[in-house]
């Protein structure tokens, strides 16, 4: 069967509701058997979700290594070393959780490979913005020196420093913003895990 577990169950619920609206009578037991079959098929393929449904573990527990990996400001803004075992854990846990379909979380956001790729893209952006800023500052300050000062040595030293200052300014100013961005994504991850736990346990408990 295709689609997430949530999508499959929602289709069954819509079918039942639409049938009643059209005056079509179906045996509720047959629909319940279909629902249980959907759950059984899904749990047979997603062992972690099955353990969560039975309260043997939870996605809230399973994501703790991810939360701990990025639990400080400095950890959130640094470029992590590639950690294959950690990345495997992230992909397995989030892949299992996404298959349930309550809230989609991109694993690339949290893997060390994904973080490094994001860092490279951000650095290219900082360099481009820094280049533009350097040119603008150089032109502005050069004009002010030309009009108001006549100190050749100071002028030359200062204008040589402007491109460097302009290049690093965006990195210094924008790099710390990675921390609140990732913190928002971590909060969403926590929310998604909690809601997925609830969904699985409710559906597992309602089986007949």
N, C-alpha and C. Protein backbone atom coordinates (compact mmCIF):
# COMPACT_ATOMS: atom_id res chain seq x y z
N UNK A 1 0.85 -1.19 0.00
CA UNK A 1 0.00 0.00 0.00
C UNK A 1 0.88 1.25 0.00
N UNK A 2 0.41 2.29 -0.67
CA UNK A 2 1.18 3.52 -0.78
C UNK A 2 0.65 4.56 0.20
N UNK A 3 1.50 5.54 0.51
CA UNK A 3 1.09 6.62 1.40
C UNK A 3 1.48 6.33 2.84
N UNK A 4 1.41 7.37 3.66
CA UNK A 4 1.72 7.22 5.08
C UNK A 4 0.57 6.52 5.80
N UNK A 5 0.83 6.08 7.01
CA UNK A 5 -0.22 5.43 7.80
C UNK A 5 -1.38 6.40 8.02
N UNK A 6 -1.07 7.63 8.34
CA UNK A 6 -2.11 8.63 8.56
C UNK A 6 -2.98 8.82 7.32
N UNK A 7 -2.37 8.87 6.15
CA UNK A 7 -3.13 9.03 4.91
C UNK A 7 -4.05 7.84 4.66
N UNK A 8 -3.58 6.64 4.92
CA UNK A 8 -4.38 5.44 4.70
C UNK A 8 -5.60 5.42 5.62
N UNK A 9 -5.38 5.76 6.88
CA UNK A 9 -6.49 5.76 7.84
C UNK A 9 -7.48 6.88 7.52
N UNK A 10 -6.97 8.05 7.11
CA UNK A 10 -7.85 9.15 6.74
C UNK A 10 -8.72 8.79 5.54
N UNK A 11 -8.16 8.07 4.58
CA UNK A 11 -8.95 7.63 3.42
C UNK A 11 -10.09 6.72 3.86
N UNK A 12 -9.82 5.84 4.80
CA UNK A 12 -10.85 4.94 5.30
C UNK A 12 -11.93 5.71 6.04
N UNK A 13 -11.53 6.70 6.83
CA UNK A 13 -12.49 7.53 7.57
C UNK A 13 -13.36 8.33 6.59
N UNK A 14 -12.75 8.90 5.56
CA UNK A 14 -13.51 9.66 4.55
C UNK A 14 -14.48 8.75 3.81
N UNK A 15 -14.03 7.54 3.49
CA UNK A 15 -14.89 6.58 2.79
C UNK A 15 -16.12 6.26 3.64
N UNK A 16 -15.91 6.05 4.92
CA UNK A 16 -17.01 5.74 5.83
C UNK A 16 -17.97 6.92 5.93
N UNK A 17 -17.44 8.14 6.06
CA UNK A 17 -18.27 9.34 6.17
C UNK A 17 -19.05 9.59 4.89
N UNK A 18 -18.38 9.49 3.74
CA UNK A 18 -19.04 9.74 2.46
C UNK A 18 -20.12 8.69 2.18
N UNK A 19 -19.87 7.47 2.57
CA UNK A 19 -20.86 6.41 2.36
C UNK A 19 -22.13 6.69 3.14
N UNK A 20 -21.98 7.16 4.36
CA UNK A 20 -23.15 7.48 5.18
C UNK A 20 -23.92 8.65 4.58
N UNK A 21 -23.18 9.66 4.08
CA UNK A 21 -23.84 10.81 3.48
C UNK A 21 -24.62 10.43 2.23
N UNK A 22 -24.15 9.42 1.52
CA UNK A 22 -24.82 8.95 0.29
C UNK A 22 -25.86 7.88 0.58
N UNK A 23 -26.01 7.54 1.84
CA UNK A 23 -27.00 6.55 2.21
C UNK A 23 -26.59 5.13 1.91
N UNK A 24 -25.29 4.92 1.73
CA UNK A 24 -24.79 3.57 1.45
C UNK A 24 -24.45 2.89 2.77
N UNK A 25 -24.97 1.71 2.97
CA UNK A 25 -24.77 0.99 4.22
C UNK A 25 -23.61 0.01 4.11
N UNK A 26 -22.71 0.10 5.09
CA UNK A 26 -21.59 -0.83 5.16
C UNK A 26 -21.51 -1.42 6.56
N UNK A 27 -21.04 -2.62 6.62
CA UNK A 27 -20.84 -3.27 7.91
C UNK A 27 -19.65 -2.62 8.61
N UNK A 28 -19.89 -2.00 9.76
CA UNK A 28 -18.81 -1.34 10.48
C UNK A 28 -17.70 -2.31 10.85
N UNK A 29 -18.07 -3.55 11.08
CA UNK A 29 -17.05 -4.56 11.42
C UNK A 29 -16.08 -4.77 10.26
N UNK A 30 -16.62 -4.71 9.03
CA UNK A 30 -15.77 -4.87 7.86
C UNK A 30 -14.78 -3.72 7.74
N UNK A 31 -15.26 -2.50 8.02
CA UNK A 31 -14.39 -1.33 7.97
C UNK A 31 -13.32 -1.41 9.07
N UNK A 32 -13.72 -1.93 10.23
CA UNK A 32 -12.76 -2.06 11.32
C UNK A 32 -11.70 -3.10 11.00
N UNK A 33 -12.12 -4.17 10.35
CA UNK A 33 -11.16 -5.20 9.92
C UNK A 33 -10.16 -4.60 8.93
N UNK A 34 -10.68 -3.77 8.02
CA UNK A 34 -9.80 -3.10 7.04
C UNK A 34 -8.80 -2.20 7.75
N UNK A 35 -9.28 -1.46 8.74
CA UNK A 35 -8.41 -0.57 9.50
C UNK A 35 -7.33 -1.36 10.23
N UNK A 36 -7.71 -2.46 10.85
CA UNK A 36 -6.74 -3.29 11.55
C UNK A 36 -5.71 -3.90 10.60
N UNK A 37 -6.17 -4.22 9.39
CA UNK A 37 -5.25 -4.76 8.38
C UNK A 37 -4.23 -3.71 7.96
N UNK A 38 -4.72 -2.47 7.82
CA UNK A 38 -3.81 -1.36 7.49
C UNK A 38 -2.75 -1.21 8.57
N UNK A 39 -3.17 -1.24 9.83
CA UNK A 39 -2.24 -1.11 10.94
C UNK A 39 -1.24 -2.27 10.97
N UNK A 40 -1.76 -3.47 10.79
CA UNK A 40 -0.89 -4.66 10.84
C UNK A 40 0.15 -4.63 9.73
N UNK A 41 -0.28 -4.27 8.53
CA UNK A 41 0.66 -4.18 7.40
C UNK A 41 1.74 -3.13 7.66
N UNK A 42 1.30 -2.00 8.20
CA UNK A 42 2.25 -0.92 8.46
C UNK A 42 3.25 -1.32 9.54
N UNK A 43 2.76 -1.89 10.63
CA UNK A 43 3.64 -2.27 11.73
C UNK A 43 4.60 -3.39 11.33
N UNK A 44 4.18 -4.22 10.40
CA UNK A 44 5.07 -5.29 9.93
C UNK A 44 6.27 -4.72 9.20
N UNK A 45 6.10 -3.55 8.58
CA UNK A 45 7.18 -2.91 7.83
C UNK A 45 7.94 -1.87 8.65
N UNK A 46 7.31 -1.36 9.69
CA UNK A 46 7.91 -0.29 10.49
C UNK A 46 7.97 -0.75 11.95
N UNK A 47 9.03 -1.47 12.28
CA UNK A 47 9.15 -2.07 13.60
C UNK A 47 9.26 -1.03 14.72
N UNK A 48 9.94 0.07 14.44
CA UNK A 48 10.07 1.10 15.47
C UNK A 48 8.71 1.70 15.79
N UNK A 49 7.91 1.97 14.77
CA UNK A 49 6.57 2.51 15.01
C UNK A 49 5.73 1.54 15.83
N UNK A 50 5.91 0.25 15.57
CA UNK A 50 5.17 -0.78 16.33
C UNK A 50 5.55 -0.74 17.80
N UNK A 51 6.83 -0.60 18.07
CA UNK A 51 7.30 -0.52 19.46
C UNK A 51 6.78 0.74 20.14
N UNK A 52 6.71 1.83 19.39
CA UNK A 52 6.15 3.07 19.93
C UNK A 52 4.67 2.88 20.25
N UNK A 53 3.94 2.26 19.34
CA UNK A 53 2.51 2.04 19.54
C UNK A 53 2.25 1.19 20.78
N UNK A 54 3.13 0.22 21.04
CA UNK A 54 2.97 -0.66 22.20
C UNK A 54 3.56 -0.05 23.48
N UNK A 55 4.06 1.17 23.40
CA UNK A 55 4.65 1.90 24.53
C UNK A 55 5.95 1.26 25.03
N UNK A 56 6.62 0.55 24.17
CA UNK A 56 7.92 -0.01 24.53
C UNK A 56 9.01 1.06 24.42
N UNK A 57 8.76 2.04 23.60
CA UNK A 57 9.65 3.19 23.46
C UNK A 57 8.79 4.34 22.95
N UNK A 58 9.41 5.43 22.60
CA UNK A 58 8.68 6.57 22.03
C UNK A 58 9.61 7.34 21.10
N UNK A 59 9.01 8.05 20.16
CA UNK A 59 9.84 8.90 19.31
C UNK A 59 10.42 10.05 20.13
N UNK A 60 9.71 10.45 21.17
CA UNK A 60 10.23 11.49 22.06
C UNK A 60 11.55 11.05 22.68
N UNK A 61 11.65 9.76 23.02
CA UNK A 61 12.91 9.22 23.54
C UNK A 61 13.94 9.05 22.43
N UNK A 62 13.49 8.60 21.29
CA UNK A 62 14.41 8.29 20.19
C UNK A 62 15.11 9.52 19.63
N UNK A 63 14.48 10.70 19.76
CA UNK A 63 15.10 11.92 19.22
C UNK A 63 16.03 12.59 20.21
N UNK A 64 16.15 12.06 21.43
CA UNK A 64 16.99 12.70 22.44
C UNK A 64 18.44 12.89 21.98
N UNK A 65 19.06 11.90 21.29
CA UNK A 65 20.44 12.13 20.81
C UNK A 65 20.54 13.33 19.86
N UNK A 66 19.48 13.57 19.09
CA UNK A 66 19.48 14.72 18.17
C UNK A 66 19.40 16.01 18.97
N UNK A 67 18.51 16.05 19.96
CA UNK A 67 18.36 17.25 20.78
C UNK A 67 19.65 17.54 21.55
N UNK A 68 20.30 16.48 22.05
CA UNK A 68 21.54 16.66 22.81
C UNK A 68 22.70 17.09 21.91
N UNK A 69 22.66 16.67 20.67
CA UNK A 69 23.72 17.03 19.71
C UNK A 69 23.78 18.54 19.50
N UNK A 70 22.61 19.17 19.58
CA UNK A 70 22.54 20.61 19.29
C UNK A 70 21.92 21.37 20.46
N UNK A 71 22.31 21.02 21.69
CA UNK A 71 21.63 21.59 22.86
C UNK A 71 22.26 22.87 23.40
N UNK A 72 23.28 23.41 22.73
CA UNK A 72 23.85 24.69 23.16
C UNK A 72 23.99 25.62 21.95
N UNK A 73 24.16 26.89 22.25
CA UNK A 73 24.33 27.89 21.19
C UNK A 73 25.50 27.54 20.29
N UNK A 74 26.64 27.19 20.90
CA UNK A 74 27.85 26.93 20.11
C UNK A 74 27.72 25.68 19.27
N UNK A 75 27.04 24.66 19.80
CA UNK A 75 26.83 23.44 19.02
C UNK A 75 25.94 23.70 17.81
N UNK A 76 25.03 24.66 17.96
CA UNK A 76 24.10 24.95 16.86
C UNK A 76 24.74 25.77 15.75
N UNK A 77 25.80 26.53 16.07
CA UNK A 77 26.39 27.36 15.02
C UNK A 77 27.69 26.78 14.46
N UNK A 78 28.28 25.80 15.15
CA UNK A 78 29.54 25.24 14.66
C UNK A 78 29.29 24.30 13.48
N UNK A 79 30.33 24.08 12.70
CA UNK A 79 30.26 23.10 11.62
C UNK A 79 30.66 21.74 12.18
N UNK A 80 29.73 20.78 12.25
CA UNK A 80 30.05 19.50 12.89
C UNK A 80 30.93 18.61 12.02
N UNK A 81 31.71 17.77 12.67
CA UNK A 81 32.45 16.74 11.95
C UNK A 81 31.46 15.67 11.48
N UNK A 82 31.76 15.04 10.35
CA UNK A 82 30.88 13.99 9.84
C UNK A 82 30.85 12.83 10.84
N UNK A 83 29.64 12.43 11.22
CA UNK A 83 29.44 11.33 12.17
C UNK A 83 28.44 10.37 11.53
N UNK A 84 28.95 9.32 10.91
CA UNK A 84 28.10 8.40 10.16
C UNK A 84 27.11 7.66 11.05
N UNK A 85 27.54 7.26 12.24
CA UNK A 85 26.64 6.53 13.13
C UNK A 85 25.49 7.42 13.59
N UNK A 86 25.79 8.68 13.87
CA UNK A 86 24.75 9.63 14.26
C UNK A 86 23.79 9.87 13.10
N UNK A 87 24.34 10.05 11.91
CA UNK A 87 23.49 10.29 10.73
C UNK A 87 22.59 9.10 10.44
N UNK A 88 23.11 7.90 10.64
CA UNK A 88 22.29 6.69 10.44
C UNK A 88 21.12 6.68 11.42
N UNK A 89 21.40 7.02 12.67
CA UNK A 89 20.34 7.08 13.68
C UNK A 89 19.28 8.10 13.29
N UNK A 90 19.71 9.29 12.87
CA UNK A 90 18.77 10.34 12.47
C UNK A 90 17.88 9.86 11.33
N UNK A 91 18.49 9.28 10.32
CA UNK A 91 17.72 8.82 9.15
C UNK A 91 16.75 7.70 9.52
N UNK A 92 17.16 6.80 10.39
CA UNK A 92 16.29 5.70 10.78
C UNK A 92 15.10 6.19 11.60
N UNK A 93 15.37 7.01 12.59
CA UNK A 93 14.29 7.49 13.47
C UNK A 93 13.32 8.40 12.72
N UNK A 94 13.85 9.37 11.98
CA UNK A 94 12.97 10.29 11.28
C UNK A 94 12.29 9.63 10.09
N UNK A 95 12.97 8.67 9.45
CA UNK A 95 12.33 7.92 8.37
C UNK A 95 11.13 7.14 8.88
N UNK A 96 11.29 6.50 10.03
CA UNK A 96 10.19 5.76 10.65
C UNK A 96 9.06 6.71 11.04
N UNK A 97 9.41 7.83 11.62
CA UNK A 97 8.40 8.80 12.07
C UNK A 97 7.66 9.42 10.90
N UNK A 98 8.39 9.77 9.84
CA UNK A 98 7.76 10.37 8.66
C UNK A 98 6.81 9.40 7.98
N UNK A 99 7.09 8.11 8.07
CA UNK A 99 6.21 7.11 7.46
C UNK A 99 4.85 7.07 8.13
N UNK A 100 4.80 7.50 9.40
CA UNK A 100 3.50 7.58 10.10
C UNK A 100 2.69 8.73 9.51
N UNK A 101 3.36 9.84 9.21
CA UNK A 101 2.72 10.90 8.46
C UNK A 101 1.97 11.95 9.24
N UNK A 102 2.29 12.13 10.51
CA UNK A 102 1.62 13.17 11.29
C UNK A 102 2.26 14.53 11.04
N UNK A 103 3.57 14.58 11.01
CA UNK A 103 4.30 15.82 10.74
C UNK A 103 5.62 15.44 10.08
N UNK A 104 5.91 16.03 8.93
CA UNK A 104 7.12 15.66 8.20
C UNK A 104 8.32 16.45 8.71
N UNK A 105 9.40 15.74 8.98
CA UNK A 105 10.64 16.36 9.43
C UNK A 105 11.76 15.95 8.48
N UNK A 106 12.49 16.92 7.97
CA UNK A 106 13.58 16.65 7.04
C UNK A 106 14.82 16.20 7.80
N UNK A 107 15.25 14.98 7.59
CA UNK A 107 16.40 14.46 8.33
C UNK A 107 17.68 15.21 7.97
N UNK A 108 17.76 15.73 6.74
CA UNK A 108 18.96 16.45 6.28
C UNK A 108 19.24 17.67 7.15
N UNK A 109 18.20 18.18 7.81
CA UNK A 109 18.36 19.34 8.68
C UNK A 109 19.24 19.02 9.88
N UNK A 110 19.24 17.75 10.30
CA UNK A 110 19.92 17.37 11.54
C UNK A 110 21.14 16.48 11.37
N UNK A 111 21.30 15.84 10.22
CA UNK A 111 22.49 15.00 10.02
C UNK A 111 23.74 15.88 9.94
N UNK A 112 24.87 15.31 10.29
CA UNK A 112 26.11 16.09 10.21
C UNK A 112 26.45 16.43 8.76
N UNK A 113 26.16 15.51 7.85
CA UNK A 113 26.39 15.79 6.43
C UNK A 113 25.48 16.92 5.97
N UNK A 114 24.24 16.89 6.40
CA UNK A 114 23.29 17.94 6.03
C UNK A 114 23.67 19.28 6.61
N UNK A 115 24.12 19.29 7.87
CA UNK A 115 24.54 20.54 8.50
C UNK A 115 25.74 21.14 7.78
N UNK A 116 26.68 20.29 7.38
CA UNK A 116 27.87 20.77 6.68
C UNK A 116 27.50 21.34 5.31
N UNK A 117 26.58 20.69 4.62
CA UNK A 117 26.14 21.18 3.31
C UNK A 117 25.45 22.53 3.47
N UNK A 118 24.63 22.64 4.50
CA UNK A 118 23.94 23.90 4.76
C UNK A 118 24.94 25.00 5.09
N UNK A 119 25.98 24.63 5.83
CA UNK A 119 27.03 25.59 6.19
C UNK A 119 27.75 26.10 4.95
N UNK A 120 28.04 25.20 4.02
CA UNK A 120 28.73 25.62 2.79
C UNK A 120 27.87 26.58 1.98
N UNK A 121 26.58 26.28 1.89
CA UNK A 121 25.68 27.18 1.15
C UNK A 121 25.62 28.54 1.83
N UNK A 122 25.56 28.54 3.16
CA UNK A 122 25.50 29.80 3.90
C UNK A 122 26.77 30.60 3.71
N UNK A 123 27.92 29.93 3.73
CA UNK A 123 29.19 30.64 3.56
C UNK A 123 29.30 31.29 2.20
N UNK A 124 28.79 30.61 1.16
CA UNK A 124 28.80 31.23 -0.18
C UNK A 124 27.94 32.48 -0.19
N UNK A 125 26.81 32.40 0.50
CA UNK A 125 25.92 33.57 0.59
C UNK A 125 26.61 34.71 1.32
N UNK A 126 27.29 34.39 2.43
CA UNK A 126 28.00 35.42 3.19
C UNK A 126 29.08 36.08 2.34
N UNK A 127 29.79 35.30 1.53
CA UNK A 127 30.84 35.87 0.68
C UNK A 127 30.27 36.81 -0.36
N UNK A 128 29.16 36.41 -0.96
CA UNK A 128 28.52 37.27 -1.97
C UNK A 128 28.06 38.57 -1.33
N UNK A 129 27.36 38.45 -0.18
CA UNK A 129 26.88 39.65 0.51
C UNK A 129 28.06 40.50 0.98
N UNK A 130 29.12 39.82 1.44
CA UNK A 130 30.29 40.55 1.89
C UNK A 130 30.97 41.30 0.77
N UNK A 131 31.03 40.70 -0.41
CA UNK A 131 31.62 41.37 -1.57
C UNK A 131 30.85 42.63 -1.94
N UNK A 132 29.53 42.51 -1.93
CA UNK A 132 28.69 43.68 -2.25
C UNK A 132 28.89 44.77 -1.20
N UNK A 133 28.91 44.36 0.08
CA UNK A 133 29.09 45.33 1.15
C UNK A 133 30.46 45.98 1.08
N UNK A 134 31.48 45.21 0.76
CA UNK A 134 32.84 45.75 0.67
C UNK A 134 32.93 46.83 -0.40
N UNK A 135 32.35 46.55 -1.55
CA UNK A 135 32.37 47.54 -2.64
C UNK A 135 31.63 48.80 -2.24
N UNK A 136 30.46 48.61 -1.60
CA UNK A 136 29.65 49.76 -1.21
C UNK A 136 30.37 50.61 -0.16
N UNK A 137 30.94 49.95 0.84
CA UNK A 137 31.66 50.69 1.88
C UNK A 137 32.88 51.41 1.31
N UNK A 138 33.60 50.70 0.45
CA UNK A 138 34.80 51.31 -0.14
C UNK A 138 34.43 52.57 -0.93
N UNK A 139 33.38 52.48 -1.72
CA UNK A 139 32.96 53.63 -2.53
C UNK A 139 32.50 54.78 -1.64
N UNK A 140 31.73 54.46 -0.59
CA UNK A 140 31.21 55.49 0.30
C UNK A 140 32.32 56.20 1.06
N UNK A 141 33.20 55.41 1.67
CA UNK A 141 34.25 56.00 2.50
C UNK A 141 35.30 56.69 1.64
N UNK A 142 35.59 56.14 0.48
CA UNK A 142 36.55 56.79 -0.42
C UNK A 142 36.06 58.18 -0.79
N UNK A 143 34.76 58.28 -1.05
CA UNK A 143 34.20 59.58 -1.39
C UNK A 143 34.31 60.56 -0.24
N UNK A 144 34.06 60.09 0.98
CA UNK A 144 34.14 60.97 2.15
C UNK A 144 35.57 61.42 2.41
N UNK A 145 36.54 60.52 2.24
CA UNK A 145 37.94 60.90 2.42
C UNK A 145 38.36 61.91 1.36
N UNK A 146 37.94 61.68 0.13
CA UNK A 146 38.32 62.58 -0.95
C UNK A 146 37.82 63.99 -0.69
N UNK A 147 36.65 64.07 -0.06
CA UNK A 147 36.04 65.38 0.13
C UNK A 147 36.55 66.09 1.38
N UNK A 148 36.88 65.32 2.44
CA UNK A 148 37.11 65.96 3.73
C UNK A 148 38.52 65.83 4.28
N UNK A 149 39.30 64.86 3.81
CA UNK A 149 40.60 64.65 4.42
C UNK A 149 41.72 64.66 3.39
N UNK A 150 42.88 64.96 3.90
CA UNK A 150 44.06 64.92 3.04
C UNK A 150 45.18 64.24 3.83
N UNK A 151 44.96 62.93 4.16
CA UNK A 151 45.95 62.16 4.91
C UNK A 151 46.23 60.91 4.09
N UNK A 152 47.13 60.98 3.13
CA UNK A 152 47.36 59.87 2.20
C UNK A 152 47.65 58.54 2.87
N UNK A 153 48.53 58.51 3.88
CA UNK A 153 48.91 57.23 4.50
C UNK A 153 47.71 56.58 5.19
N UNK A 154 47.02 57.37 5.99
CA UNK A 154 45.85 56.83 6.70
C UNK A 154 44.78 56.41 5.71
N UNK A 155 44.61 57.23 4.70
CA UNK A 155 43.61 56.94 3.67
C UNK A 155 43.90 55.60 2.99
N UNK A 156 45.15 55.39 2.63
CA UNK A 156 45.51 54.17 1.91
C UNK A 156 45.33 52.94 2.80
N UNK A 157 45.77 53.03 4.06
CA UNK A 157 45.64 51.89 4.97
C UNK A 157 44.18 51.55 5.23
N UNK A 158 43.39 52.60 5.42
CA UNK A 158 41.98 52.38 5.76
C UNK A 158 41.23 51.79 4.58
N UNK A 159 41.45 52.31 3.39
CA UNK A 159 40.72 51.80 2.23
C UNK A 159 41.13 50.37 1.89
N UNK A 160 42.37 50.00 2.22
CA UNK A 160 42.79 48.62 1.99
C UNK A 160 42.06 47.66 2.95
N UNK A 161 41.74 48.18 4.13
CA UNK A 161 41.07 47.33 5.13
C UNK A 161 39.58 47.17 4.84
N UNK A 162 39.00 48.10 4.10
CA UNK A 162 37.55 48.09 3.87
C UNK A 162 37.07 46.80 3.21
N UNK A 163 37.70 46.33 2.12
CA UNK A 163 37.22 45.08 1.52
C UNK A 163 37.24 43.91 2.48
N UNK A 164 38.27 43.84 3.33
CA UNK A 164 38.35 42.74 4.29
C UNK A 164 37.23 42.84 5.31
N UNK A 165 37.02 44.04 5.84
CA UNK A 165 35.94 44.24 6.80
C UNK A 165 34.58 43.93 6.19
N UNK A 166 34.42 44.35 4.95
CA UNK A 166 33.14 44.11 4.26
C UNK A 166 32.89 42.64 4.03
N UNK A 167 33.95 41.89 3.73
CA UNK A 167 33.79 40.46 3.46
C UNK A 167 33.42 39.68 4.72
N UNK A 168 34.02 40.03 5.86
CA UNK A 168 33.76 39.25 7.07
C UNK A 168 32.53 39.73 7.84
N UNK A 169 32.08 40.96 7.58
CA UNK A 169 30.95 41.50 8.35
C UNK A 169 29.70 40.64 8.27
N UNK A 170 29.26 40.21 7.06
CA UNK A 170 28.05 39.37 7.01
C UNK A 170 28.21 38.06 7.78
N UNK A 171 29.40 37.46 7.72
CA UNK A 171 29.63 36.20 8.43
C UNK A 171 29.50 36.41 9.94
N UNK A 172 30.14 37.46 10.44
CA UNK A 172 30.09 37.75 11.87
C UNK A 172 28.68 38.09 12.32
N UNK A 173 27.95 38.83 11.46
CA UNK A 173 26.61 39.28 11.83
C UNK A 173 25.55 38.19 11.67
N UNK A 174 25.67 37.37 10.62
CA UNK A 174 24.61 36.41 10.29
C UNK A 174 24.85 35.01 10.81
N UNK A 175 26.10 34.63 11.02
CA UNK A 175 26.40 33.28 11.50
C UNK A 175 25.65 32.93 12.79
N UNK A 176 25.60 33.83 13.78
CA UNK A 176 24.87 33.50 15.02
C UNK A 176 23.38 33.23 14.80
N UNK A 177 22.82 33.68 13.68
CA UNK A 177 21.40 33.45 13.42
C UNK A 177 21.10 31.98 13.18
N UNK A 178 22.13 31.18 12.90
CA UNK A 178 21.92 29.74 12.72
C UNK A 178 21.39 29.11 14.00
N UNK A 179 21.77 29.66 15.15
CA UNK A 179 21.33 29.08 16.42
C UNK A 179 19.82 29.16 16.60
N UNK A 180 19.20 30.36 16.50
CA UNK A 180 17.73 30.40 16.65
C UNK A 180 16.99 29.64 15.56
N UNK A 181 17.56 29.62 14.33
CA UNK A 181 16.91 28.87 13.25
C UNK A 181 16.84 27.38 13.61
N UNK A 182 17.98 26.84 14.02
CA UNK A 182 18.03 25.42 14.35
C UNK A 182 17.21 25.13 15.60
N UNK A 183 17.16 26.09 16.52
CA UNK A 183 16.38 25.89 17.73
C UNK A 183 14.89 25.75 17.40
N UNK A 184 14.41 26.54 16.45
CA UNK A 184 13.02 26.43 16.00
C UNK A 184 12.79 25.05 15.40
N UNK A 185 13.72 24.58 14.59
CA UNK A 185 13.59 23.27 13.95
C UNK A 185 13.62 22.14 14.98
N UNK A 186 14.41 22.31 16.03
CA UNK A 186 14.45 21.31 17.11
C UNK A 186 13.13 21.28 17.88
N UNK A 187 12.55 22.45 18.10
CA UNK A 187 11.25 22.51 18.77
C UNK A 187 10.17 21.84 17.93
N UNK A 188 10.25 22.04 16.61
CA UNK A 188 9.29 21.38 15.72
C UNK A 188 9.49 19.86 15.74
N UNK A 189 10.74 19.44 15.79
CA UNK A 189 11.04 18.01 15.87
C UNK A 189 10.43 17.41 17.13
N UNK A 190 10.58 18.11 18.24
CA UNK A 190 10.01 17.63 19.51
C UNK A 190 8.49 17.54 19.42
N UNK A 191 7.87 18.56 18.84
CA UNK A 191 6.41 18.57 18.65
C UNK A 191 5.96 17.41 17.77
N UNK A 192 6.66 17.19 16.66
CA UNK A 192 6.31 16.12 15.73
C UNK A 192 6.42 14.76 16.40
N UNK A 193 7.45 14.57 17.21
CA UNK A 193 7.64 13.29 17.91
C UNK A 193 6.50 13.04 18.89
N UNK A 194 6.14 14.07 19.64
CA UNK A 194 5.06 13.91 20.63
C UNK A 194 3.73 13.57 19.96
N UNK A 195 3.40 14.28 18.88
CA UNK A 195 2.13 14.04 18.18
C UNK A 195 2.11 12.67 17.52
N UNK A 196 3.25 12.23 17.02
CA UNK A 196 3.31 10.90 16.39
C UNK A 196 3.14 9.81 17.44
N UNK A 197 3.75 10.00 18.60
CA UNK A 197 3.55 9.05 19.71
C UNK A 197 2.07 8.92 20.04
N UNK A 198 1.39 10.05 20.19
CA UNK A 198 -0.03 10.06 20.54
C UNK A 198 -0.87 9.35 19.48
N UNK A 199 -0.61 9.65 18.22
CA UNK A 199 -1.38 9.07 17.12
C UNK A 199 -1.25 7.55 17.10
N UNK A 200 -0.04 7.05 17.19
CA UNK A 200 0.17 5.61 17.13
C UNK A 200 -0.49 4.89 18.30
N UNK A 201 -0.34 5.44 19.48
CA UNK A 201 -0.88 4.78 20.66
C UNK A 201 -2.41 4.80 20.68
N UNK A 202 -2.98 5.90 20.22
CA UNK A 202 -4.44 5.97 20.16
C UNK A 202 -4.99 4.95 19.17
N UNK A 203 -4.39 4.86 17.99
CA UNK A 203 -4.87 3.93 16.98
C UNK A 203 -4.63 2.48 17.38
N UNK A 204 -3.51 2.23 18.05
CA UNK A 204 -3.23 0.87 18.50
C UNK A 204 -4.22 0.44 19.58
N UNK A 205 -4.55 1.37 20.48
CA UNK A 205 -5.46 1.07 21.58
C UNK A 205 -6.90 0.86 21.10
N UNK A 206 -7.26 1.49 19.96
CA UNK A 206 -8.63 1.42 19.46
C UNK A 206 -8.90 0.18 18.61
N UNK A 207 -7.89 -0.64 18.42
CA UNK A 207 -8.12 -1.86 17.63
C UNK A 207 -9.14 -2.76 18.31
N UNK A 208 -9.91 -3.50 17.50
CA UNK A 208 -10.92 -4.42 18.04
C UNK A 208 -10.61 -5.84 17.60
